[in-house]
PDB file of N, CA and C in Angstrom:
ATOM      1  N   MET A   1      38.265  14.260   9.010  1.00  0.00           N
ATOM      2  CA  MET A   1      36.811  14.317   9.012  1.00  0.00           C
ATOM      3  C   MET A   1      36.340  14.543  10.447  1.00  0.00           C
ATOM      4  N   THR A   2      35.380  15.430  10.601  1.00  0.00           N
ATOM      5  CA  THR A   2      34.810  15.679  11.920  1.00  0.00           C
ATOM      6  C   THR A   2      33.619  14.763  12.135  1.00  0.00           C
ATOM      7  N   ALA A   3      33.131  14.740  13.346  1.00  0.00           N
ATOM      8  CA  ALA A   3      31.979  13.886  13.661  1.00  0.00           C
ATOM      9  C   ALA A   3      30.697  14.389  13.015  1.00  0.00           C
ATOM     10  N   THR A   4      30.698  15.613  12.509  1.00  0.00           N
ATOM     11  CA  THR A   4      29.468  16.156  11.934  1.00  0.00           C
ATOM     12  C   THR A   4      29.449  16.145  10.414  1.00  0.00           C
ATOM     13  N   SER A   5      30.490  15.636   9.793  1.00  0.00           N
ATOM     14  CA  SER A   5      30.486  15.657   8.334  1.00  0.00           C
ATOM     15  C   SER A   5      30.975  14.339   7.771  1.00  0.00           C
ATOM     16  N   CYS A   6      30.564  14.070   6.565  1.00  0.00           N
ATOM     17  CA  CYS A   6      31.119  12.975   5.800  1.00  0.00           C
ATOM     18  C   CYS A   6      31.954  13.634   4.710  1.00  0.00           C
ATOM     19  N   THR A   7      32.834  12.895   4.090  1.00  0.00           N
ATOM     20  CA  THR A   7      33.800  13.532   3.201  1.00  0.00           C
ATOM     21  C   THR A   7      33.238  13.964   1.855  1.00  0.00           C
ATOM     22  N   SER A   8      32.455  13.122   1.197  1.00  0.00           N
ATOM     23  CA  SER A   8      31.986  13.534  -0.126  1.00  0.00           C
ATOM     24  C   SER A   8      30.607  13.021  -0.495  1.00  0.00           C
ATOM     25  N   HIS A   9      30.165  11.971   0.120  1.00  0.00           N
ATOM     26  CA  HIS A   9      28.889  11.383  -0.275  1.00  0.00           C
ATOM     27  C   HIS A   9      27.703  11.886   0.544  1.00  0.00           C
ATOM     28  N   CYS A  10      27.955  12.384   1.747  1.00  0.00           N
ATOM     29  CA  CYS A  10      26.852  12.814   2.599  1.00  0.00           C
ATOM     30  C   CYS A  10      27.298  13.955   3.511  1.00  0.00           C
ATOM     31  N   ASP A  11      26.318  14.554   4.167  1.00  0.00           N
ATOM     32  CA  ASP A  11      26.572  15.682   5.068  1.00  0.00           C
ATOM     33  C   ASP A  11      25.676  15.508   6.282  1.00  0.00           C
ATOM     34  N   MET A  12      26.268  15.285   7.424  1.00  0.00           N
ATOM     35  CA  MET A  12      25.502  15.010   8.634  1.00  0.00           C
ATOM     36  C   MET A  12      25.006  16.273   9.337  1.00  0.00           C
ATOM     37  N   LEU A  13      25.543  17.413   8.978  1.00  0.00           N
ATOM     38  CA  LEU A  13      25.177  18.647   9.677  1.00  0.00           C
ATOM     39  C   LEU A  13      23.677  18.946   9.624  1.00  0.00           C
ATOM     40  N   PRO A  14      23.007  18.850   8.467  1.00  0.00           N
ATOM     41  CA  PRO A  14      21.557  19.107   8.463  1.00  0.00           C
ATOM     42  C   PRO A  14      20.779  18.156   9.378  1.00  0.00           C
ATOM     43  N   LEU A  15      21.174  16.888   9.415  1.00  0.00           N
ATOM     44  CA  LEU A  15      20.503  15.937  10.295  1.00  0.00           C
ATOM     45  C   LEU A  15      20.725  16.315  11.754  1.00  0.00           C
ATOM     46  N   LEU A  16      21.955  16.628  12.093  1.00  0.00           N
ATOM     47  CA  LEU A  16      22.248  17.010  13.474  1.00  0.00           C
ATOM     48  C   LEU A  16      21.480  18.260  13.888  1.00  0.00           C
ATOM     49  N   LYS A  17      21.382  19.210  12.985  1.00  0.00           N
ATOM     50  CA  LYS A  17      20.607  20.415  13.294  1.00  0.00           C
ATOM     51  C   LYS A  17      19.148  20.065  13.542  1.00  0.00           C
ATOM     52  N   SER A  18      18.592  19.182  12.712  1.00  0.00           N
ATOM     53  CA  SER A  18      17.183  18.819  12.878  1.00  0.00           C
ATOM     54  C   SER A  18      16.947  18.023  14.158  1.00  0.00           C
ATOM     55  N   LEU A  19      18.005  17.403  14.688  1.00  0.00           N
ATOM     56  CA  LEU A  19      17.903  16.632  15.928  1.00  0.00           C
ATOM     57  C   LEU A  19      18.363  17.442  17.137  1.00  0.00           C
ATOM     58  N   GLY A  20      18.511  18.734  16.951  1.00  0.00           N
ATOM     59  CA  GLY A  20      18.939  19.590  18.053  1.00  0.00           C
ATOM     60  C   GLY A  20      20.360  19.311  18.504  1.00  0.00           C
ATOM     61  N   GLY A  21      21.184  18.812  17.593  1.00  0.00           N
ATOM     62  CA  GLY A  21      22.580  18.522  17.911  1.00  0.00           C
ATOM     63  C   GLY A  21      22.798  17.210  18.645  1.00  0.00           C
ATOM     64  N   ASP A  22      21.777  16.398  18.728  1.00  0.00           N
ATOM     65  CA  ASP A  22      21.870  15.137  19.483  1.00  0.00           C
ATOM     66  C   ASP A  22      22.656  14.091  18.672  1.00  0.00           C
ATOM     67  N   MET A  23      23.933  13.955  18.992  1.00  0.00           N
ATOM     68  CA  MET A  23      24.812  13.028  18.271  1.00  0.00           C
ATOM     69  C   MET A  23      24.375  11.576  18.458  1.00  0.00           C
ATOM     70  N   ASP A  24      23.877  11.237  19.647  1.00  0.00           N
ATOM     71  CA  ASP A  24      23.439   9.861  19.888  1.00  0.00           C
ATOM     72  C   ASP A  24      22.279   9.475  18.977  1.00  0.00           C
ATOM     73  N   LYS A  25      21.321  10.377  18.810  1.00  0.00           N
ATOM     74  CA  LYS A  25      20.189  10.097  17.917  1.00  0.00           C
ATOM     75  C   LYS A  25      20.669   9.953  16.473  1.00  0.00           C
ATOM     76  N   ALA A  26      21.586  10.824  16.065  1.00  0.00           N
ATOM     77  CA  ALA A  26      22.124  10.740  14.700  1.00  0.00           C
ATOM     78  C   ALA A  26      22.833   9.403  14.492  1.00  0.00           C
ATOM     79  N   LYS A  27      23.629   9.008  15.456  1.00  0.00           N
ATOM     80  CA  LYS A  27      24.347   7.735  15.335  1.00  0.00           C
ATOM     81  C   LYS A  27      23.378   6.555  15.333  1.00  0.00           C
ATOM     82  N   ASN A  28      22.298   6.646  16.090  1.00  0.00           N
ATOM     83  CA  ASN A  28      21.296   5.578  16.073  1.00  0.00           C
ATOM     84  C   ASN A  28      20.639   5.453  14.698  1.00  0.00           C
ATOM     85  N   LEU A  29      20.335   6.571  14.068  1.00  0.00           N
ATOM     86  CA  LEU A  29      19.775   6.525  12.708  1.00  0.00           C
ATOM     87  C   LEU A  29      20.757   5.888  11.733  1.00  0.00           C
ATOM     88  N   VAL A  30      22.018   6.245  11.869  1.00  0.00           N
ATOM     89  CA  VAL A  30      23.056   5.661  11.010  1.00  0.00           C
ATOM     90  C   VAL A  30      23.131   4.154  11.243  1.00  0.00           C
ATOM     91  N   LYS A  31      23.104   3.741  12.498  1.00  0.00           N
ATOM     92  CA  LYS A  31      23.179   2.308  12.811  1.00  0.00           C
ATOM     93  C   LYS A  31      22.010   1.546  12.211  1.00  0.00           C
ATOM     94  N   ILE A  32      20.819   2.118  12.282  1.00  0.00           N
ATOM     95  CA  ILE A  32      19.643   1.474  11.682  1.00  0.00           C
ATOM     96  C   ILE A  32      19.840   1.317  10.179  1.00  0.00           C
ATOM     97  N   PHE A  33      20.298   2.389   9.523  1.00  0.00           N
ATOM     98  CA  PHE A  33      20.542   2.320   8.084  1.00  0.00           C
ATOM     99  C   PHE A  33      21.570   1.242   7.766  1.00  0.00           C
ATOM    100  N   LEU A  34      22.673   1.229   8.502  1.00  0.00           N
ATOM    101  CA  LEU A  34      23.749   0.280   8.220  1.00  0.00           C
ATOM    102  C   LEU A  34      23.345  -1.158   8.523  1.00  0.00           C
ATOM    103  N   GLN A  35      22.447  -1.370   9.475  1.00  0.00           N
ATOM    104  CA  GLN A  35      21.953  -2.723   9.752  1.00  0.00           C
ATOM    105  C   GLN A  35      21.126  -3.245   8.586  1.00  0.00           C
ATOM    106  N   MET A  36      20.371  -2.370   7.961  1.00  0.00           N
ATOM    107  CA  MET A  36      19.501  -2.768   6.849  1.00  0.00           C
ATOM    108  C   MET A  36      20.237  -2.774   5.508  1.00  0.00           C
ATOM    109  N   TYR A  37      21.363  -2.100   5.467  1.00  0.00           N
ATOM    110  CA  TYR A  37      22.101  -1.885   4.223  1.00  0.00           C
ATOM    111  C   TYR A  37      22.468  -3.186   3.488  1.00  0.00           C
ATOM    112  N   PRO A  38      23.074  -4.192   4.147  1.00  0.00           N
ATOM    113  CA  PRO A  38      23.453  -5.397   3.393  1.00  0.00           C
ATOM    114  C   PRO A  38      22.273  -6.093   2.715  1.00  0.00           C
ATOM    115  N   GLU A  39      21.155  -6.201   3.424  1.00  0.00           N
ATOM    116  CA  GLU A  39      19.977  -6.841   2.838  1.00  0.00           C
ATOM    117  C   GLU A  39      19.430  -6.018   1.674  1.00  0.00           C
ATOM    118  N   ASN A  40      19.395  -4.705   1.843  1.00  0.00           N
ATOM    119  CA  ASN A  40      18.899  -3.847   0.769  1.00  0.00           C
ATOM    120  C   ASN A  40      19.808  -3.907  -0.454  1.00  0.00           C
ATOM    121  N   LEU A  41      21.104  -3.956  -0.221  1.00  0.00           N
ATOM    122  CA  LEU A  41      22.049  -4.058  -1.335  1.00  0.00           C
ATOM    123  C   LEU A  41      21.882  -5.391  -2.061  1.00  0.00           C
ATOM    124  N   GLU A  42      21.655  -6.449  -1.295  1.00  0.00           N
ATOM    125  CA  GLU A  42      21.427  -7.763  -1.886  1.00  0.00           C
ATOM    126  C   GLU A  42      20.152  -7.757  -2.745  1.00  0.00           C
ATOM    127  N   LYS A  43      19.092  -7.139  -2.239  1.00  0.00           N
ATOM    128  CA  LYS A  43      17.841  -7.034  -3.002  1.00  0.00           C
ATOM    129  C   LYS A  43      18.040  -6.220  -4.279  1.00  0.00           C
ATOM    130  N   PHE A  44      18.804  -5.126  -4.161  1.00  0.00           N
ATOM    131  CA  PHE A  44      19.091  -4.279  -5.315  1.00  0.00           C
ATOM    132  C   PHE A  44      19.818  -5.090  -6.387  1.00  0.00           C
ATOM    133  N   ASP A  45      20.873  -5.800  -5.982  1.00  0.00           N
ATOM    134  CA  ASP A  45      21.659  -6.594  -6.928  1.00  0.00           C
ATOM    135  C   ASP A  45      20.823  -7.697  -7.574  1.00  0.00           C
ATOM    136  N   ALA A  46      19.973  -8.356  -6.771  1.00  0.00           N
ATOM    137  CA  ALA A  46      19.129  -9.425  -7.313  1.00  0.00           C
ATOM    138  C   ALA A  46      18.126  -8.874  -8.323  1.00  0.00           C
ATOM    139  N   ALA A  47      17.503  -7.764  -7.991  1.00  0.00           N
ATOM    140  CA  ALA A  47      16.524  -7.169  -8.909  1.00  0.00           C
ATOM    141  C   ALA A  47      17.198  -6.725 -10.203  1.00  0.00           C
ATOM    142  N   LEU A  48      18.397  -6.186 -10.090  1.00  0.00           N
ATOM    143  CA  LEU A  48      19.122  -5.757 -11.289  1.00  0.00           C
ATOM    144  C   LEU A  48      19.504  -6.961 -12.139  1.00  0.00           C
ATOM    145  N   SER A  49      20.033  -7.996 -11.533  1.00  0.00           N
ATOM    146  CA  SER A  49      20.464  -9.166 -12.311  1.00  0.00           C
ATOM    147  C   SER A  49      19.276  -9.912 -12.919  1.00  0.00           C
ATOM    148  N   ASN A  50      18.109  -9.829 -12.274  1.00  0.00           N
ATOM    149  CA  ASN A  50      16.904 -10.479 -12.802  1.00  0.00           C
ATOM    150  C   ASN A  50      16.099  -9.564 -13.728  1.00  0.00           C
ATOM    151  N   ALA A  51      16.596  -8.361 -13.941  1.00  0.00           N
ATOM    152  CA  ALA A  51      15.890  -7.359 -14.748  1.00  0.00           C
ATOM    153  C   ALA A  51      14.455  -7.159 -14.245  1.00  0.00           C
ATOM    154  N   ASP A  52      14.287  -7.212 -12.935  1.00  0.00           N
ATOM    155  CA  ASP A  52      12.985  -7.012 -12.303  1.00  0.00           C
ATOM    156  C   ASP A  52      12.846  -5.518 -11.986  1.00  0.00           C
ATOM    157  N   HIS A  53      12.326  -4.781 -12.947  1.00  0.00           N
ATOM    158  CA  HIS A  53      12.256  -3.330 -12.815  1.00  0.00           C
ATOM    159  C   HIS A  53      11.288  -2.869 -11.734  1.00  0.00           C
ATOM    160  N   VAL A  54      10.252  -3.650 -11.489  1.00  0.00           N
ATOM    161  CA  VAL A  54       9.308  -3.286 -10.434  1.00  0.00           C
ATOM    162  C   VAL A  54      10.006  -3.366  -9.076  1.00  0.00           C
ATOM    163  N   GLN A  55      10.679  -4.477  -8.812  1.00  0.00           N
ATOM    164  CA  GLN A  55      11.405  -4.642  -7.551  1.00  0.00           C
ATOM    165  C   GLN A  55      12.564  -3.651  -7.457  1.00  0.00           C
ATOM    166  N   LEU A  56      13.242  -3.432  -8.551  1.00  0.00           N
ATOM    167  CA  LEU A  56      14.363  -2.488  -8.572  1.00  0.00           C
ATOM    168  C   LEU A  56      13.879  -1.080  -8.237  1.00  0.00           C
ATOM    169  N   CYS A  57      12.760  -0.685  -8.799  1.00  0.00           N
ATOM    170  CA  CYS A  57      12.193   0.626  -8.516  1.00  0.00           C
ATOM    171  C   CYS A  57      11.825   0.742  -7.039  1.00  0.00           C
ATOM    172  N   GLN A  58      11.280  -0.312  -6.463  1.00  0.00           N
ATOM    173  CA  GLN A  58      10.895  -0.298  -5.050  1.00  0.00           C
ATOM    174  C   GLN A  58      12.113  -0.166  -4.144  1.00  0.00           C
ATOM    175  N   ILE A  59      13.164  -0.915  -4.426  1.00  0.00           N
ATOM    176  CA  ILE A  59      14.339  -0.852  -3.566  1.00  0.00           C
ATOM    177  C   ILE A  59      15.069   0.481  -3.739  1.00  0.00           C
ATOM    178  N   VAL A  60      15.075   1.028  -4.939  1.00  0.00           N
ATOM    179  CA  VAL A  60      15.652   2.362  -5.137  1.00  0.00           C
ATOM    180  C   VAL A  60      14.867   3.379  -4.321  1.00  0.00           C
ATOM    181  N   HIS A  61      13.549   3.249  -4.339  1.00  0.00           N
ATOM    182  CA  HIS A  61      12.704   4.146  -3.543  1.00  0.00           C
ATOM    183  C   HIS A  61      13.028   4.013  -2.052  1.00  0.00           C
ATOM    184  N   ASP A  62      13.165   2.789  -1.589  1.00  0.00           N
ATOM    185  CA  ASP A  62      13.475   2.557  -0.177  1.00  0.00           C
ATOM    186  C   ASP A  62      14.839   3.145   0.196  1.00  0.00           C
ATOM    187  N   LEU A  63      15.821   2.945  -0.643  1.00  0.00           N
ATOM    188  CA  LEU A  63      17.172   3.441  -0.371  1.00  0.00           C
ATOM    189  C   LEU A  63      17.271   4.956  -0.530  1.00  0.00           C
ATOM    190  N   ARG A  64      16.397   5.505  -1.339  1.00  0.00           N
ATOM    191  CA  ARG A  64      16.371   6.951  -1.567  1.00  0.00           C
ATOM    192  C   ARG A  64      16.214   7.708  -0.248  1.00  0.00           C
ATOM    193  N   SER A  65      15.448   7.147   0.669  1.00  0.00           N
ATOM    194  CA  SER A  65      15.227   7.823   1.947  1.00  0.00           C
ATOM    195  C   SER A  65      16.535   7.981   2.717  1.00  0.00           C
ATOM    196  N   GLY A  66      17.427   7.004   2.621  1.00  0.00           N
ATOM    197  CA  GLY A  66      18.730   7.132   3.270  1.00  0.00           C
ATOM    198  C   GLY A  66      19.529   8.279   2.700  1.00  0.00           C
ATOM    199  N   PHE A  67      19.500   8.419   1.383  1.00  0.00           N
ATOM    200  CA  PHE A  67      20.191   9.545   0.750  1.00  0.00           C
ATOM    201  C   PHE A  67      19.615  10.867   1.245  1.00  0.00           C
ATOM    202  N   ALA A  68      18.301  10.918   1.405  1.00  0.00           N
ATOM    203  CA  ALA A  68      17.659  12.151   1.864  1.00  0.00           C
ATOM    204  C   ALA A  68      18.018  12.451   3.318  1.00  0.00           C
ATOM    205  N   ILE A  69      17.917  11.456   4.178  1.00  0.00           N
ATOM    206  CA  ILE A  69      18.187  11.650   5.607  1.00  0.00           C
ATOM    207  C   ILE A  69      19.611  12.133   5.846  1.00  0.00           C
ATOM    208  N   PHE A  70      20.553  11.571   5.111  1.00  0.00           N
ATOM    209  CA  PHE A  70      21.959  11.880   5.337  1.00  0.00           C
ATOM    210  C   PHE A  70      22.502  12.922   4.353  1.00  0.00           C
ATOM    211  N   SER A  71      21.601  13.649   3.717  1.00  0.00           N
ATOM    212  CA  SER A  71      21.962  14.755   2.807  1.00  0.00           C
ATOM    213  C   SER A  71      23.007  14.346   1.780  1.00  0.00           C
ATOM    214  N   ALA A  72      22.769  13.208   1.171  1.00  0.00           N
ATOM    215  CA  ALA A  72      23.639  12.715   0.108  1.00  0.00           C
ATOM    216  C   ALA A  72      23.045  13.178  -1.222  1.00  0.00           C
ATOM    217  N   LYS A  73      23.395  14.389  -1.612  1.00  0.00           N
ATOM    218  CA  LYS A  73      22.730  15.047  -2.739  1.00  0.00           C
ATOM    219  C   LYS A  73      22.903  14.327  -4.063  1.00  0.00           C
ATOM    220  N   ILE A  74      24.094  13.839  -4.341  1.00  0.00           N
ATOM    221  CA  ILE A  74      24.316  13.141  -5.615  1.00  0.00           C
ATOM    222  C   ILE A  74      23.528  11.835  -5.637  1.00  0.00           C
ATOM    223  N   GLY A  75      23.596  11.084  -4.554  1.00  0.00           N
ATOM    224  CA  GLY A  75      22.849   9.830  -4.473  1.00  0.00           C
ATOM    225  C   GLY A  75      21.351  10.054  -4.578  1.00  0.00           C
ATOM    226  N   LEU A  76      20.862  11.104  -3.938  1.00  0.00           N
ATOM    227  CA  LEU A  76      19.440  11.423  -3.996  1.00  0.00           C
ATOM    228  C   LEU A  76      19.021  11.771  -5.418  1.00  0.00           C
ATOM    229  N   ALA A  77      19.821  12.555  -6.098  1.00  0.00           N
ATOM    230  CA  ALA A  77      19.512  12.906  -7.495  1.00  0.00           C
ATOM    231  C   ALA A  77      19.523  11.666  -8.386  1.00  0.00           C
ATOM    232  N   LEU A  78      20.497  10.795  -8.182  1.00  0.00           N
ATOM    233  CA  LEU A  78      20.550   9.551  -8.960  1.00  0.00           C
ATOM    234  C   LEU A  78      19.337   8.667  -8.674  1.00  0.00           C
ATOM    235  N   ALA A  79      18.946   8.584  -7.409  1.00  0.00           N
ATOM    236  CA  ALA A  79      17.772   7.778  -7.049  1.00  0.00           C
ATOM    237  C   ALA A  79      16.525   8.319  -7.734  1.00  0.00           C
ATOM    238  N   ASN A  80      16.362   9.633  -7.717  1.00  0.00           N
ATOM    239  CA  ASN A  80      15.198  10.244  -8.370  1.00  0.00           C
ATOM    240  C   ASN A  80      15.189   9.948  -9.866  1.00  0.00           C
ATOM    241  N   GLN A  81      16.323  10.118 -10.519  1.00  0.00           N
ATOM    242  CA  GLN A  81      16.424   9.858 -11.965  1.00  0.00           C
ATOM    243  C   GLN A  81      16.154   8.388 -12.274  1.00  0.00           C
ATOM    244  N   LEU A  82      16.726   7.509 -11.459  1.00  0.00           N
ATOM    245  CA  LEU A  82      16.555   6.079 -11.689  1.00  0.00           C
ATOM    246  C   LEU A  82      15.104   5.656 -11.489  1.00  0.00           C
ATOM    247  N   GLN A  83      14.455   6.197 -10.486  1.00  0.00           N
ATOM    248  CA  GLN A  83      13.043   5.884 -10.267  1.00  0.00           C
ATOM    249  C   GLN A  83      12.187   6.305 -11.456  1.00  0.00           C
ATOM    250  N   ILE A  84      12.442   7.479 -11.980  1.00  0.00           N
ATOM    251  CA  ILE A  84      11.679   7.971 -13.131  1.00  0.00           C
ATOM    252  C   ILE A  84      11.870   7.042 -14.327  1.00  0.00           C
ATOM    253  N   LYS A  85      13.110   6.640 -14.586  1.00  0.00           N
ATOM    254  CA  LYS A  85      13.383   5.737 -15.707  1.00  0.00           C
ATOM    255  C   LYS A  85      12.701   4.387 -15.505  1.00  0.00           C
ATOM    256  N   LEU A  86      12.778   3.870 -14.291  1.00  0.00           N
ATOM    257  CA  LEU A  86      12.189   2.559 -14.019  1.00  0.00           C
ATOM    258  C   LEU A  86      10.667   2.605 -14.056  1.00  0.00           C
ATOM    259  N   GLN A  87      10.071   3.673 -13.569  1.00  0.00           N
ATOM    260  CA  GLN A  87       8.617   3.798 -13.586  1.00  0.00           C
ATOM    261  C   GLN A  87       8.096   3.980 -15.005  1.00  0.00           C
ATOM    262  N   GLY A  88       8.930   4.549 -15.864  1.00  0.00           N
ATOM    263  CA  GLY A  88       8.541   4.741 -17.253  1.00  0.00           C
ATOM    264  C   GLY A  88       8.479   3.440 -18.026  1.00  0.00           C
ATOM    265  N   GLY A  89       9.096   2.393 -17.486  1.00  0.00           N
ATOM    266  CA  GLY A  89       9.054   1.082 -18.121  1.00  0.00           C
ATOM    267  C   GLY A  89       9.872   0.968 -19.385  1.00  0.00           C
ATOM    268  N   GLU A  90      10.630   1.994 -19.684  1.00  0.00           N
ATOM    269  CA  GLU A  90      11.435   1.963 -20.901  1.00  0.00           C
ATOM    270  C   GLU A  90      12.704   1.163 -20.670  1.00  0.00           C
ATOM    271  N   GLU A  91      13.110   0.440 -21.679  1.00  0.00           N
ATOM    272  CA  GLU A  91      14.388  -0.267 -21.628  1.00  0.00           C
ATOM    273  C   GLU A  91      15.467   0.716 -22.066  1.00  0.00           C
ATOM    274  N   GLU A  92      16.101   1.296 -21.093  1.00  0.00           N
ATOM    275  CA  GLU A  92      17.145   2.280 -21.369  1.00  0.00           C
ATOM    276  C   GLU A  92      18.479   1.550 -21.496  1.00  0.00           C
ATOM    277  N   PRO A  93      19.207   1.830 -22.563  1.00  0.00           N
ATOM    278  CA  PRO A  93      20.504   1.155 -22.717  1.00  0.00           C
ATOM    279  C   PRO A  93      21.479   1.477 -21.579  1.00  0.00           C
ATOM    280  N   GLU A  94      21.333   2.649 -20.992  1.00  0.00           N
ATOM    281  CA  GLU A  94      22.265   3.036 -19.942  1.00  0.00           C
ATOM    282  C   GLU A  94      21.748   2.683 -18.540  1.00  0.00           C
ATOM    283  N   LEU A  95      20.692   1.892 -18.438  1.00  0.00           N
ATOM    284  CA  LEU A  95      20.121   1.560 -17.140  1.00  0.00           C
ATOM    285  C   LEU A  95      21.138   0.876 -16.225  1.00  0.00           C
ATOM    286  N   VAL A  96      21.910  -0.054 -16.751  1.00  0.00           N
ATOM    287  CA  VAL A  96      22.913  -0.741 -15.932  1.00  0.00           C
ATOM    288  C   VAL A  96      23.968   0.255 -15.458  1.00  0.00           C
ATOM    289  N   ASP A  97      24.384   1.157 -16.327  1.00  0.00           N
ATOM    290  CA  ASP A  97      25.353   2.185 -15.919  1.00  0.00           C
ATOM    291  C   ASP A  97      24.768   3.078 -14.837  1.00  0.00           C
ATOM    292  N   ASP A  98      23.507   3.460 -14.994  1.00  0.00           N
ATOM    293  CA  ASP A  98      22.839   4.279 -13.972  1.00  0.00           C
ATOM    294  C   ASP A  98      22.781   3.534 -12.643  1.00  0.00           C
ATOM    295  N   CYS A  99      22.481   2.249 -12.687  1.00  0.00           N
ATOM    296  CA  CYS A  99      22.422   1.443 -11.467  1.00  0.00           C
ATOM    297  C   CYS A  99      23.797   1.311 -10.833  1.00  0.00           C
ATOM    298  N   ASN A 100      24.829   1.189 -11.656  1.00  0.00           N
ATOM    299  CA  ASN A 100      26.186   1.111 -11.124  1.00  0.00           C
ATOM    300  C   ASN A 100      26.595   2.418 -10.450  1.00  0.00           C
ATOM    301  N   ARG A 101      26.219   3.554 -11.027  1.00  0.00           N
ATOM    302  CA  ARG A 101      26.508   4.849 -10.403  1.00  0.00           C
ATOM    303  C   ARG A 101      25.747   4.988  -9.079  1.00  0.00           C
ATOM    304  N   PHE A 102      24.483   4.553  -9.076  1.00  0.00           N
ATOM    305  CA  PHE A 102      23.669   4.571  -7.865  1.00  0.00           C
ATOM    306  C   PHE A 102      24.332   3.722  -6.771  1.00  0.00           C
ATOM    307  N   ARG A 103      24.754   2.527  -7.152  1.00  0.00           N
ATOM    308  CA  ARG A 103      25.395   1.612  -6.199  1.00  0.00           C
ATOM    309  C   ARG A 103      26.693   2.213  -5.662  1.00  0.00           C
ATOM    310  N   PHE A 104      27.477   2.844  -6.527  1.00  0.00           N
ATOM    311  CA  PHE A 104      28.718   3.491  -6.110  1.00  0.00           C
ATOM    312  C   PHE A 104      28.444   4.554  -5.053  1.00  0.00           C
ATOM    313  N   GLU A 105      27.436   5.384  -5.278  1.00  0.00           N
ATOM    314  CA  GLU A 105      27.086   6.425  -4.310  1.00  0.00           C
ATOM    315  C   GLU A 105      26.585   5.805  -3.004  1.00  0.00           C
ATOM    316  N   LEU A 106      25.812   4.757  -3.121  1.00  0.00           N
ATOM    317  CA  LEU A 106      25.292   4.070  -1.945  1.00  0.00           C
ATOM    318  C   LEU A 106      26.432   3.474  -1.117  1.00  0.00           C
ATOM    319  N   GLU A 107      27.359   2.800  -1.779  1.00  0.00           N
ATOM    320  CA  GLU A 107      28.500   2.211  -1.083  1.00  0.00           C
ATOM    321  C   GLU A 107      29.367   3.291  -0.440  1.00  0.00           C
ATOM    322  N   GLY A 108      29.574   4.390  -1.150  1.00  0.00           N
ATOM    323  CA  GLY A 108      30.368   5.484  -0.606  1.00  0.00           C
ATOM    324  C   GLY A 108      29.727   6.084   0.632  1.00  0.00           C
ATOM    325  N   MET A 109      28.416   6.285   0.564  1.00  0.00           N
ATOM    326  CA  MET A 109      27.715   6.840   1.715  1.00  0.00           C
ATOM    327  C   MET A 109      27.790   5.875   2.900  1.00  0.00           C
ATOM    328  N   ALA A 110      27.577   4.590   2.658  1.00  0.00           N
ATOM    329  CA  ALA A 110      27.622   3.601   3.738  1.00  0.00           C
ATOM    330  C   ALA A 110      29.003   3.567   4.383  1.00  0.00           C
ATOM    331  N   SER A 111      30.049   3.658   3.586  1.00  0.00           N
ATOM    332  CA  SER A 111      31.409   3.666   4.131  1.00  0.00           C
ATOM    333  C   SER A 111      31.635   4.890   5.009  1.00  0.00           C
ATOM    334  N   GLU A 112      31.186   6.038   4.548  1.00  0.00           N
ATOM    335  CA  GLU A 112      31.353   7.264   5.323  1.00  0.00           C
ATOM    336  C   GLU A 112      30.518   7.240   6.600  1.00  0.00           C
ATOM    337  N   LEU A 113      29.332   6.663   6.520  1.00  0.00           N
ATOM    338  CA  LEU A 113      28.488   6.572   7.711  1.00  0.00           C
ATOM    339  C   LEU A 113      29.115   5.632   8.740  1.00  0.00           C
ATOM    340  N   ALA A 114      29.762   4.576   8.286  1.00  0.00           N
ATOM    341  CA  ALA A 114      30.443   3.675   9.218  1.00  0.00           C
ATOM    342  C   ALA A 114      31.548   4.411   9.956  1.00  0.00           C
ATOM    343  N   VAL A 115      32.245   5.289   9.271  1.00  0.00           N
ATOM    344  CA  VAL A 115      33.289   6.099   9.918  1.00  0.00           C
ATOM    345  C   VAL A 115      32.636   7.077  10.894  1.00  0.00           C
ATOM    346  N   PHE A 116      31.518   7.661  10.505  1.00  0.00           N
ATOM    347  CA  PHE A 116      30.820   8.626  11.359  1.00  0.00           C
ATOM    348  C   PHE A 116      30.467   8.022  12.723  1.00  0.00           C
ATOM    349  N   ILE A 117      29.948   6.791  12.734  1.00  0.00           N
ATOM    350  CA  ILE A 117      29.570   6.215  14.017  1.00  0.00           C
ATOM    351  C   ILE A 117      30.789   5.751  14.817  1.00  0.00           C
ATOM    352  N   ALA A 118      31.916   5.601  14.161  1.00  0.00           N
ATOM    353  CA  ALA A 118      33.136   5.171  14.860  1.00  0.00           C
ATOM    354  C   ALA A 118      33.838   6.346  15.544  1.00  0.00           C
ATOM    355  N   VAL A 119      33.482   7.570  15.154  1.00  0.00           N
ATOM    356  CA  VAL A 119      34.157   8.749  15.706  1.00  0.00           C
ATOM    357  C   VAL A 119      33.635   9.063  17.097  1.00  0.00           C
TER     358      VAL A 119
END
């Protein structure tokens, strides 16, 4: 893996291009995301276990920005789909599965971003 790419969950090249190739700025954005990540993941898990769809929708929205910033296309698509389902207020039988897929993408992106700042 190079310093400008993640392996499968995200792509740092668009961010680096938008920052004029400034690796330090890109790494600072990653560090900010990773500092907030544990608390956001905890909120996500709590909202899911409490079936608090309003809070779950809010945290998905908040985390969605990370997927967008780091060009995590699958995670971004999942966040968009999950937000629509949660805003609709429908009890979807596959909601837990959707949340698990979202969490998997989130964890994968966070792991890759941790490697990115270590390079």
